[in-house]
Amino acid sequence: MKQGEWLLELEDTEWPLTAIDHDRIIARAIVVDNDSDFYFVRVERDDEFEKAAYIETAGGGVESNEDPDAAIRRELHEELGVSVDVICKIGVVSDYYNLIRRHNINHYFLCRIVSFGEKHLTKEERENYHLSTLKLTYIDALNEYERCGCTRLGRLIANREIPVLKKAKELLDSQT
């Protein structure tokens, strides 16, 4: 992380902490189009976290041979089927999933869509998480995060992503 970079540190208050035994470096993005609409993934799962449906920024794990900038371009192509320009790095959110003993280091980017194409979801993303794309206004996205906060996992994700979405909106507004 660079000196002076925006950083948010969060704890998991939904599940008890027993131990954290691994870190996961993740690249995520607030994705916007030329009409100022935002793109997210809807996730529907029924696993150790519980049965839940929620929205989340597109993104995923940074592979050993790539940096977060390359990872976000790959992940957005896979999950949303888009090519993007990276406007800027928003910052890093450090959060925890106590249930699976994991510390997440989320590198967030603000990206503008250049073109649309086909998604390339993994079998797990299609069958276990039922990923789909959501196009929302800023206000609708905030409302959707609030609505999805009725589950423990939904609250963890909303606590992480609402501040990032607000920061992205500030950055976009400062460009106009």
N, C-alpha and C. Protein backbone atom coordinates (compact mmCIF):
# COMPACT_ATOMS: atom_id res chain seq x y z
N MET A 1 0.84 -1.18 0.00
CA MET A 1 0.00 0.00 0.00
C MET A 1 0.88 1.24 0.00
N LYS A 2 0.51 2.25 -0.78
CA LYS A 2 1.29 3.47 -0.88
C LYS A 2 0.96 4.40 0.27
N GLN A 3 1.96 5.19 0.67
CA GLN A 3 1.76 6.16 1.74
C GLN A 3 0.69 7.16 1.32
N GLY A 4 -0.23 7.46 2.22
CA GLY A 4 -1.29 8.41 1.95
C GLY A 4 -2.49 7.83 1.22
N GLU A 5 -2.43 6.55 0.86
CA GLU A 5 -3.55 5.91 0.16
C GLU A 5 -4.72 5.74 1.12
N TRP A 6 -5.94 5.90 0.60
CA TRP A 6 -7.16 5.75 1.40
C TRP A 6 -7.23 4.32 1.93
N LEU A 7 -7.42 4.17 3.23
CA LEU A 7 -7.45 2.86 3.87
C LEU A 7 -8.63 2.80 4.83
N LEU A 8 -9.35 1.69 4.77
CA LEU A 8 -10.45 1.43 5.69
C LEU A 8 -10.19 0.07 6.32
N GLU A 9 -10.21 0.01 7.63
CA GLU A 9 -10.01 -1.26 8.35
C GLU A 9 -11.28 -1.61 9.09
N LEU A 10 -11.77 -2.82 8.83
CA LEU A 10 -13.04 -3.28 9.40
C LEU A 10 -12.86 -4.61 10.11
N GLU A 11 -13.69 -4.85 11.10
CA GLU A 11 -13.73 -6.12 11.82
C GLU A 11 -15.02 -6.86 11.46
N ASP A 12 -15.00 -8.15 11.62
CA ASP A 12 -16.19 -8.98 11.44
C ASP A 12 -16.90 -9.04 12.79
N THR A 13 -18.06 -8.40 12.89
CA THR A 13 -18.83 -8.43 14.14
C THR A 13 -20.00 -9.40 14.03
N GLU A 14 -20.07 -10.15 12.94
CA GLU A 14 -21.18 -11.07 12.71
C GLU A 14 -20.91 -12.49 13.22
N TRP A 15 -19.66 -12.95 13.12
CA TRP A 15 -19.29 -14.28 13.58
C TRP A 15 -18.17 -14.15 14.59
N PRO A 16 -18.10 -15.05 15.55
CA PRO A 16 -17.03 -14.98 16.56
C PRO A 16 -15.66 -15.24 15.93
N LEU A 17 -14.67 -14.58 16.47
CA LEU A 17 -13.29 -14.76 16.03
C LEU A 17 -12.67 -15.94 16.77
N THR A 18 -12.25 -16.94 16.03
CA THR A 18 -11.52 -18.06 16.63
C THR A 18 -10.05 -17.95 16.26
N ALA A 19 -9.78 -17.73 14.98
CA ALA A 19 -8.42 -17.54 14.50
C ALA A 19 -8.50 -17.04 13.06
N ILE A 20 -7.48 -16.33 12.64
CA ILE A 20 -7.32 -15.95 11.23
C ILE A 20 -6.06 -16.66 10.77
N ASP A 21 -6.20 -17.53 9.76
CA ASP A 21 -5.03 -18.30 9.36
C ASP A 21 -4.58 -18.05 7.93
N HIS A 22 -5.26 -17.13 7.22
CA HIS A 22 -4.75 -16.80 5.89
C HIS A 22 -5.27 -15.45 5.41
N ASP A 23 -4.49 -14.85 4.52
CA ASP A 23 -4.85 -13.59 3.87
C ASP A 23 -5.25 -13.90 2.44
N ARG A 24 -6.14 -13.06 1.91
CA ARG A 24 -6.48 -13.14 0.49
C ARG A 24 -6.40 -11.74 -0.08
N ILE A 25 -5.58 -11.57 -1.10
CA ILE A 25 -5.47 -10.29 -1.78
C ILE A 25 -6.49 -10.29 -2.90
N ILE A 26 -7.34 -9.26 -2.91
CA ILE A 26 -8.48 -9.18 -3.81
C ILE A 26 -8.46 -7.85 -4.55
N ALA A 27 -8.81 -7.89 -5.83
CA ALA A 27 -9.02 -6.68 -6.62
C ALA A 27 -10.51 -6.54 -6.87
N ARG A 28 -11.06 -5.35 -6.56
CA ARG A 28 -12.49 -5.08 -6.73
C ARG A 28 -12.65 -3.72 -7.41
N ALA A 29 -13.81 -3.50 -8.01
CA ALA A 29 -14.00 -2.22 -8.70
C ALA A 29 -15.40 -1.67 -8.55
N ILE A 30 -15.46 -0.37 -8.44
CA ILE A 30 -16.68 0.38 -8.67
C ILE A 30 -16.65 0.67 -10.17
N VAL A 31 -17.63 0.14 -10.87
CA VAL A 31 -17.67 0.21 -12.34
C VAL A 31 -18.80 1.13 -12.76
N VAL A 32 -18.48 2.10 -13.62
CA VAL A 32 -19.47 3.09 -14.05
C VAL A 32 -19.43 3.18 -15.58
N ASP A 33 -20.59 3.52 -16.15
CA ASP A 33 -20.64 3.72 -17.60
C ASP A 33 -20.72 5.22 -17.90
N ASN A 34 -20.82 5.58 -19.17
CA ASN A 34 -20.85 6.99 -19.57
C ASN A 34 -22.13 7.70 -19.17
N ASP A 35 -23.17 6.94 -18.77
CA ASP A 35 -24.42 7.53 -18.31
C ASP A 35 -24.48 7.64 -16.79
N SER A 36 -23.36 7.37 -16.13
CA SER A 36 -23.25 7.42 -14.66
C SER A 36 -24.02 6.32 -13.96
N ASP A 37 -24.28 5.21 -14.64
CA ASP A 37 -24.85 4.04 -13.99
C ASP A 37 -23.72 3.15 -13.50
N PHE A 38 -23.99 2.43 -12.42
CA PHE A 38 -22.99 1.58 -11.78
C PHE A 38 -23.33 0.11 -12.01
N TYR A 39 -22.31 -0.72 -12.08
CA TYR A 39 -22.48 -2.15 -12.36
C TYR A 39 -21.95 -2.98 -11.19
N PHE A 40 -22.76 -3.94 -10.77
CA PHE A 40 -22.44 -4.81 -9.65
C PHE A 40 -22.76 -6.25 -10.04
N VAL A 41 -22.38 -7.18 -9.19
CA VAL A 41 -22.84 -8.55 -9.35
C VAL A 41 -23.83 -8.85 -8.25
N ARG A 42 -24.86 -9.59 -8.61
CA ARG A 42 -25.79 -10.14 -7.61
C ARG A 42 -25.32 -11.55 -7.35
N VAL A 43 -25.26 -11.89 -6.07
CA VAL A 43 -24.80 -13.20 -5.64
C VAL A 43 -25.95 -13.86 -4.88
N GLU A 44 -26.18 -15.12 -5.17
CA GLU A 44 -27.16 -15.91 -4.43
C GLU A 44 -26.44 -17.18 -3.99
N ARG A 45 -26.34 -17.39 -2.70
CA ARG A 45 -25.60 -18.54 -2.20
C ARG A 45 -26.32 -19.19 -1.05
N ASP A 46 -25.97 -20.45 -0.82
CA ASP A 46 -26.48 -21.21 0.30
C ASP A 46 -25.35 -22.14 0.72
N ASP A 47 -24.54 -21.66 1.67
CA ASP A 47 -23.34 -22.40 2.07
C ASP A 47 -23.04 -22.13 3.54
N GLU A 48 -21.78 -22.30 3.95
CA GLU A 48 -21.44 -22.11 5.35
C GLU A 48 -21.77 -20.71 5.86
N PHE A 49 -21.82 -19.73 4.98
CA PHE A 49 -22.18 -18.38 5.41
C PHE A 49 -23.67 -18.23 5.67
N GLU A 50 -24.49 -19.02 5.03
CA GLU A 50 -25.94 -19.04 5.17
C GLU A 50 -26.56 -18.86 3.79
N LYS A 51 -27.86 -18.92 3.76
CA LYS A 51 -28.58 -18.62 2.53
C LYS A 51 -28.68 -17.11 2.44
N ALA A 52 -28.20 -16.55 1.33
CA ALA A 52 -28.19 -15.09 1.21
C ALA A 52 -28.20 -14.68 -0.26
N ALA A 53 -28.81 -13.55 -0.51
CA ALA A 53 -28.77 -12.89 -1.82
C ALA A 53 -28.35 -11.45 -1.54
N TYR A 54 -27.36 -10.97 -2.26
CA TYR A 54 -26.83 -9.64 -2.01
C TYR A 54 -26.12 -9.13 -3.25
N ILE A 55 -25.77 -7.83 -3.23
CA ILE A 55 -24.95 -7.29 -4.30
C ILE A 55 -23.54 -7.08 -3.78
N GLU A 56 -22.63 -7.05 -4.73
CA GLU A 56 -21.22 -6.90 -4.40
C GLU A 56 -20.52 -6.30 -5.61
N THR A 57 -19.42 -5.62 -5.37
CA THR A 57 -18.62 -5.16 -6.50
C THR A 57 -18.01 -6.35 -7.19
N ALA A 58 -17.82 -6.23 -8.50
CA ALA A 58 -17.15 -7.29 -9.25
C ALA A 58 -15.68 -7.31 -8.84
N GLY A 59 -15.12 -8.50 -8.86
CA GLY A 59 -13.70 -8.63 -8.53
C GLY A 59 -13.42 -10.01 -8.00
N GLY A 60 -12.17 -10.22 -7.64
CA GLY A 60 -11.79 -11.52 -7.12
C GLY A 60 -10.32 -11.56 -6.76
N GLY A 61 -9.87 -12.75 -6.47
CA GLY A 61 -8.52 -12.95 -6.01
C GLY A 61 -7.46 -12.58 -7.03
N VAL A 62 -6.41 -11.96 -6.52
CA VAL A 62 -5.24 -11.62 -7.34
C VAL A 62 -4.40 -12.88 -7.44
N GLU A 63 -4.13 -13.32 -8.65
CA GLU A 63 -3.34 -14.53 -8.85
C GLU A 63 -1.86 -14.25 -8.60
N SER A 64 -1.09 -15.29 -8.36
CA SER A 64 0.32 -15.13 -7.98
C SER A 64 1.15 -14.43 -9.04
N ASN A 65 0.75 -14.49 -10.29
CA ASN A 65 1.54 -13.90 -11.36
C ASN A 65 1.03 -12.53 -11.82
N GLU A 66 0.15 -11.89 -11.05
CA GLU A 66 -0.40 -10.61 -11.50
C GLU A 66 -0.44 -9.60 -10.36
N ASP A 67 -0.57 -8.33 -10.74
CA ASP A 67 -0.75 -7.28 -9.75
C ASP A 67 -2.24 -6.92 -9.70
N PRO A 68 -2.68 -6.16 -8.70
CA PRO A 68 -4.11 -5.84 -8.59
C PRO A 68 -4.68 -5.14 -9.82
N ASP A 69 -3.90 -4.29 -10.49
CA ASP A 69 -4.39 -3.60 -11.69
C ASP A 69 -4.72 -4.59 -12.80
N ALA A 70 -3.85 -5.55 -13.02
CA ALA A 70 -4.10 -6.58 -14.04
C ALA A 70 -5.26 -7.47 -13.61
N ALA A 71 -5.32 -7.79 -12.32
CA ALA A 71 -6.38 -8.66 -11.81
C ALA A 71 -7.75 -8.03 -11.99
N ILE A 72 -7.86 -6.72 -11.76
CA ILE A 72 -9.18 -6.11 -11.88
C ILE A 72 -9.66 -6.12 -13.32
N ARG A 73 -8.77 -5.90 -14.25
CA ARG A 73 -9.16 -5.95 -15.67
C ARG A 73 -9.64 -7.35 -16.04
N ARG A 74 -8.92 -8.37 -15.58
CA ARG A 74 -9.30 -9.76 -15.85
C ARG A 74 -10.64 -10.08 -15.21
N GLU A 75 -10.80 -9.75 -13.93
CA GLU A 75 -12.03 -10.06 -13.20
C GLU A 75 -13.25 -9.37 -13.81
N LEU A 76 -13.10 -8.12 -14.23
CA LEU A 76 -14.24 -7.40 -14.82
C LEU A 76 -14.63 -8.00 -16.17
N HIS A 77 -13.64 -8.45 -16.91
CA HIS A 77 -13.92 -9.14 -18.17
C HIS A 77 -14.67 -10.45 -17.89
N GLU A 78 -14.22 -11.20 -16.88
CA GLU A 78 -14.84 -12.48 -16.56
C GLU A 78 -16.25 -12.31 -15.99
N GLU A 79 -16.41 -11.45 -14.98
CA GLU A 79 -17.67 -11.38 -14.23
C GLU A 79 -18.73 -10.48 -14.88
N LEU A 80 -18.30 -9.40 -15.52
CA LEU A 80 -19.27 -8.47 -16.12
C LEU A 80 -19.22 -8.48 -17.64
N GLY A 81 -18.17 -9.06 -18.21
CA GLY A 81 -18.03 -9.06 -19.67
C GLY A 81 -17.66 -7.70 -20.22
N VAL A 82 -16.94 -6.89 -19.45
CA VAL A 82 -16.60 -5.53 -19.88
C VAL A 82 -15.09 -5.34 -19.98
N SER A 83 -14.71 -4.45 -20.87
CA SER A 83 -13.36 -3.90 -20.91
C SER A 83 -13.47 -2.51 -20.30
N VAL A 84 -12.47 -2.11 -19.54
CA VAL A 84 -12.55 -0.85 -18.80
C VAL A 84 -11.28 -0.03 -18.92
N ASP A 85 -11.43 1.27 -18.66
CA ASP A 85 -10.31 2.14 -18.35
C ASP A 85 -10.30 2.27 -16.84
N VAL A 86 -9.15 2.08 -16.23
CA VAL A 86 -9.03 2.30 -14.79
C VAL A 86 -8.82 3.80 -14.59
N ILE A 87 -9.80 4.44 -13.96
CA ILE A 87 -9.72 5.87 -13.70
C ILE A 87 -8.68 6.14 -12.61
N CYS A 88 -8.79 5.38 -11.51
CA CYS A 88 -7.84 5.54 -10.42
C CYS A 88 -8.02 4.39 -9.42
N LYS A 89 -7.06 4.26 -8.55
CA LYS A 89 -7.21 3.36 -7.43
C LYS A 89 -7.89 4.14 -6.31
N ILE A 90 -8.97 3.60 -5.79
CA ILE A 90 -9.70 4.27 -4.71
C ILE A 90 -8.96 4.09 -3.39
N GLY A 91 -8.51 2.87 -3.11
CA GLY A 91 -7.82 2.59 -1.87
C GLY A 91 -7.93 1.13 -1.51
N VAL A 92 -7.64 0.85 -0.25
CA VAL A 92 -7.61 -0.52 0.25
C VAL A 92 -8.55 -0.65 1.44
N VAL A 93 -9.33 -1.72 1.43
CA VAL A 93 -10.19 -2.05 2.57
C VAL A 93 -9.70 -3.39 3.12
N SER A 94 -9.34 -3.37 4.38
CA SER A 94 -8.94 -4.58 5.09
C SER A 94 -10.14 -5.04 5.91
N ASP A 95 -10.61 -6.26 5.64
CA ASP A 95 -11.73 -6.79 6.42
C ASP A 95 -11.52 -8.27 6.67
N TYR A 96 -12.40 -8.85 7.47
CA TYR A 96 -12.23 -10.23 7.92
C TYR A 96 -13.50 -11.02 7.71
N TYR A 97 -13.33 -12.28 7.39
CA TYR A 97 -14.40 -13.26 7.40
C TYR A 97 -14.03 -14.28 8.47
N ASN A 98 -14.45 -14.01 9.71
CA ASN A 98 -14.10 -14.89 10.83
C ASN A 98 -14.54 -16.33 10.61
N LEU A 99 -15.70 -16.50 9.97
CA LEU A 99 -16.25 -17.83 9.77
C LEU A 99 -15.29 -18.75 9.01
N ILE A 100 -14.59 -18.18 8.03
CA ILE A 100 -13.64 -18.99 7.26
C ILE A 100 -12.19 -18.63 7.57
N ARG A 101 -12.01 -17.91 8.68
CA ARG A 101 -10.69 -17.59 9.23
C ARG A 101 -9.80 -16.82 8.26
N ARG A 102 -10.41 -15.87 7.53
CA ARG A 102 -9.67 -15.19 6.47
C ARG A 102 -9.64 -13.68 6.66
N HIS A 103 -8.49 -13.11 6.37
CA HIS A 103 -8.29 -11.66 6.30
C HIS A 103 -8.27 -11.28 4.83
N ASN A 104 -9.14 -10.36 4.42
CA ASN A 104 -9.23 -9.89 3.04
C ASN A 104 -8.52 -8.55 2.91
N ILE A 105 -7.68 -8.43 1.91
CA ILE A 105 -7.03 -7.16 1.59
C ILE A 105 -7.57 -6.77 0.22
N ASN A 106 -8.58 -5.90 0.22
CA ASN A 106 -9.33 -5.53 -0.98
C ASN A 106 -8.75 -4.26 -1.59
N HIS A 107 -8.22 -4.36 -2.80
CA HIS A 107 -7.73 -3.21 -3.55
C HIS A 107 -8.87 -2.76 -4.45
N TYR A 108 -9.40 -1.56 -4.17
CA TYR A 108 -10.55 -1.04 -4.91
C TYR A 108 -10.12 -0.04 -5.97
N PHE A 109 -10.70 -0.19 -7.16
CA PHE A 109 -10.44 0.69 -8.28
C PHE A 109 -11.74 1.32 -8.75
N LEU A 110 -11.63 2.48 -9.35
CA LEU A 110 -12.75 3.13 -10.02
C LEU A 110 -12.51 2.95 -11.51
N CYS A 111 -13.46 2.32 -12.20
CA CYS A 111 -13.28 1.98 -13.61
C CYS A 111 -14.46 2.45 -14.44
N ARG A 112 -14.15 2.88 -15.68
CA ARG A 112 -15.20 3.27 -16.62
C ARG A 112 -15.25 2.24 -17.75
N ILE A 113 -16.45 1.83 -18.09
CA ILE A 113 -16.63 0.83 -19.15
C ILE A 113 -16.28 1.42 -20.50
N VAL A 114 -15.47 0.67 -21.25
CA VAL A 114 -15.11 1.03 -22.62
C VAL A 114 -15.95 0.24 -23.61
N SER A 115 -16.14 -1.05 -23.33
CA SER A 115 -16.94 -1.89 -24.22
C SER A 115 -17.52 -3.08 -23.45
N PHE A 116 -18.58 -3.62 -24.02
CA PHE A 116 -19.25 -4.79 -23.46
C PHE A 116 -18.95 -6.00 -24.33
N GLY A 117 -18.86 -7.16 -23.69
CA GLY A 117 -18.65 -8.42 -24.41
C GLY A 117 -19.29 -9.54 -23.62
N GLU A 118 -18.79 -10.73 -23.82
CA GLU A 118 -19.33 -11.90 -23.11
C GLU A 118 -18.66 -12.08 -21.76
N LYS A 119 -19.44 -12.57 -20.82
CA LYS A 119 -18.89 -12.94 -19.50
C LYS A 119 -18.20 -14.29 -19.63
N HIS A 120 -17.28 -14.55 -18.71
CA HIS A 120 -16.58 -15.83 -18.66
C HIS A 120 -16.57 -16.31 -17.21
N LEU A 121 -17.75 -16.66 -16.71
CA LEU A 121 -17.89 -17.10 -15.33
C LEU A 121 -17.37 -18.52 -15.16
N THR A 122 -16.82 -18.78 -13.98
CA THR A 122 -16.40 -20.14 -13.67
C THR A 122 -17.62 -20.98 -13.34
N LYS A 123 -17.45 -22.28 -13.32
CA LYS A 123 -18.54 -23.18 -12.96
C LYS A 123 -19.04 -22.85 -11.55
N GLU A 124 -18.12 -22.59 -10.62
CA GLU A 124 -18.49 -22.25 -9.24
C GLU A 124 -19.30 -20.95 -9.20
N GLU A 125 -18.89 -19.95 -9.97
CA GLU A 125 -19.62 -18.68 -9.99
C GLU A 125 -21.03 -18.86 -10.56
N ARG A 126 -21.18 -19.73 -11.56
CA ARG A 126 -22.50 -19.98 -12.16
C ARG A 126 -23.37 -20.84 -11.24
N GLU A 127 -22.83 -21.94 -10.73
CA GLU A 127 -23.64 -22.94 -10.03
C GLU A 127 -23.76 -22.72 -8.53
N ASN A 128 -22.70 -22.22 -7.88
CA ASN A 128 -22.74 -22.05 -6.42
C ASN A 128 -23.14 -20.64 -6.00
N TYR A 129 -22.80 -19.64 -6.83
CA TYR A 129 -23.06 -18.25 -6.45
C TYR A 129 -24.08 -17.58 -7.36
N HIS A 130 -24.44 -18.21 -8.47
CA HIS A 130 -25.48 -17.71 -9.37
C HIS A 130 -25.27 -16.23 -9.72
N LEU A 131 -24.03 -15.88 -10.09
CA LEU A 131 -23.71 -14.48 -10.37
C LEU A 131 -24.51 -13.94 -11.55
N SER A 132 -25.02 -12.74 -11.38
CA SER A 132 -25.67 -12.02 -12.46
C SER A 132 -25.27 -10.55 -12.33
N THR A 133 -25.50 -9.79 -13.39
CA THR A 133 -25.09 -8.39 -13.43
C THR A 133 -26.26 -7.48 -13.07
N LEU A 134 -25.97 -6.47 -12.27
CA LEU A 134 -26.95 -5.44 -11.93
C LEU A 134 -26.44 -4.09 -12.39
N LYS A 135 -27.28 -3.33 -13.05
CA LYS A 135 -26.99 -1.96 -13.46
C LYS A 135 -27.88 -1.07 -12.62
N LEU A 136 -27.28 -0.19 -11.81
CA LEU A 136 -28.04 0.62 -10.86
C LEU A 136 -27.56 2.06 -10.84
N THR A 137 -28.47 2.97 -10.50
CA THR A 137 -28.04 4.34 -10.21
C THR A 137 -27.32 4.33 -8.87
N TYR A 138 -26.66 5.40 -8.56
CA TYR A 138 -25.96 5.52 -7.28
C TYR A 138 -26.93 5.32 -6.11
N ILE A 139 -28.05 6.03 -6.13
CA ILE A 139 -29.04 5.92 -5.04
C ILE A 139 -29.61 4.52 -4.96
N ASP A 140 -29.94 3.93 -6.10
CA ASP A 140 -30.47 2.56 -6.10
C ASP A 140 -29.45 1.57 -5.54
N ALA A 141 -28.17 1.79 -5.83
CA ALA A 141 -27.12 0.91 -5.30
C ALA A 141 -27.05 1.02 -3.78
N LEU A 142 -27.08 2.24 -3.26
CA LEU A 142 -27.08 2.41 -1.80
C LEU A 142 -28.28 1.72 -1.18
N ASN A 143 -29.45 1.89 -1.79
CA ASN A 143 -30.66 1.25 -1.28
C ASN A 143 -30.56 -0.27 -1.33
N GLU A 144 -29.97 -0.79 -2.39
CA GLU A 144 -29.83 -2.24 -2.52
C GLU A 144 -28.88 -2.80 -1.46
N TYR A 145 -27.78 -2.10 -1.19
CA TYR A 145 -26.89 -2.55 -0.11
C TYR A 145 -27.62 -2.56 1.22
N GLU A 146 -28.42 -1.54 1.48
CA GLU A 146 -29.18 -1.48 2.72
C GLU A 146 -30.19 -2.63 2.79
N ARG A 147 -30.87 -2.88 1.68
CA ARG A 147 -31.87 -3.96 1.63
C ARG A 147 -31.22 -5.32 1.88
N CYS A 148 -30.03 -5.53 1.34
CA CYS A 148 -29.35 -6.82 1.47
C CYS A 148 -28.69 -6.99 2.85
N GLY A 149 -28.73 -5.95 3.66
CA GLY A 149 -28.12 -6.02 4.98
C GLY A 149 -28.94 -6.77 6.01
N CYS A 150 -29.93 -7.53 5.58
CA CYS A 150 -30.76 -8.29 6.52
C CYS A 150 -30.11 -9.63 6.88
N THR A 151 -29.02 -9.99 6.21
CA THR A 151 -28.29 -11.21 6.56
C THR A 151 -26.92 -10.81 7.11
N ARG A 152 -26.30 -11.72 7.83
CA ARG A 152 -24.99 -11.42 8.40
C ARG A 152 -23.94 -11.14 7.32
N LEU A 153 -23.93 -11.97 6.29
CA LEU A 153 -22.98 -11.75 5.20
C LEU A 153 -23.30 -10.46 4.45
N GLY A 154 -24.57 -10.21 4.24
CA GLY A 154 -24.98 -8.96 3.58
C GLY A 154 -24.51 -7.74 4.34
N ARG A 155 -24.57 -7.79 5.68
CA ARG A 155 -24.10 -6.66 6.50
C ARG A 155 -22.59 -6.50 6.38
N LEU A 156 -21.85 -7.61 6.40
CA LEU A 156 -20.39 -7.52 6.25
C LEU A 156 -20.03 -6.84 4.93
N ILE A 157 -20.68 -7.26 3.87
CA ILE A 157 -20.38 -6.71 2.55
C ILE A 157 -20.81 -5.25 2.45
N ALA A 158 -21.99 -4.93 2.94
CA ALA A 158 -22.46 -3.53 2.90
C ALA A 158 -21.53 -2.63 3.71
N ASN A 159 -21.08 -3.09 4.87
CA ASN A 159 -20.17 -2.28 5.69
C ASN A 159 -18.86 -2.00 4.96
N ARG A 160 -18.44 -2.93 4.13
CA ARG A 160 -17.20 -2.76 3.37
C ARG A 160 -17.44 -1.88 2.14
N GLU A 161 -18.56 -2.08 1.45
CA GLU A 161 -18.71 -1.49 0.14
C GLU A 161 -19.42 -0.14 0.10
N ILE A 162 -20.29 0.15 1.04
CA ILE A 162 -20.95 1.46 1.02
C ILE A 162 -19.93 2.59 1.15
N PRO A 163 -18.96 2.53 2.07
CA PRO A 163 -17.98 3.62 2.12
C PRO A 163 -17.17 3.76 0.83
N VAL A 164 -16.88 2.64 0.17
CA VAL A 164 -16.12 2.69 -1.09
C VAL A 164 -16.97 3.32 -2.19
N LEU A 165 -18.24 2.94 -2.26
CA LEU A 165 -19.15 3.52 -3.25
C LEU A 165 -19.26 5.03 -3.04
N LYS A 166 -19.38 5.46 -1.79
CA LYS A 166 -19.47 6.90 -1.50
C LYS A 166 -18.18 7.62 -1.90
N LYS A 167 -17.04 7.01 -1.62
CA LYS A 167 -15.75 7.59 -2.01
C LYS A 167 -15.66 7.69 -3.53
N ALA A 168 -16.09 6.66 -4.24
CA ALA A 168 -16.07 6.68 -5.70
C ALA A 168 -16.96 7.80 -6.25
N LYS A 169 -18.13 7.97 -5.65
CA LYS A 169 -19.04 9.04 -6.08
C LYS A 169 -18.40 10.41 -5.89
N GLU A 170 -17.71 10.61 -4.75
CA GLU A 170 -16.97 11.87 -4.53
C GLU A 170 -15.93 12.09 -5.61
N LEU A 171 -15.19 11.04 -5.96
CA LEU A 171 -14.15 11.15 -6.99
C LEU A 171 -14.78 11.49 -8.35
N LEU A 172 -15.88 10.83 -8.69
CA LEU A 172 -16.56 11.12 -9.95
C LEU A 172 -17.11 12.55 -9.98
N ASP A 173 -17.72 12.97 -8.87
CA ASP A 173 -18.28 14.32 -8.81
C ASP A 173 -17.20 15.39 -8.92
N SER A 174 -16.01 15.11 -8.40
CA SER A 174 -14.92 16.09 -8.45
C SER A 174 -14.36 16.24 -9.87
N GLN A 175 -14.65 15.29 -10.75
CA GLN A 175 -14.18 15.35 -12.14
C GLN A 175 -15.10 16.18 -13.03
N THR A 176 -16.29 16.48 -12.54
CA THR A 176 -17.24 17.22 -13.39
C THR A 176 -17.27 18.70 -13.06
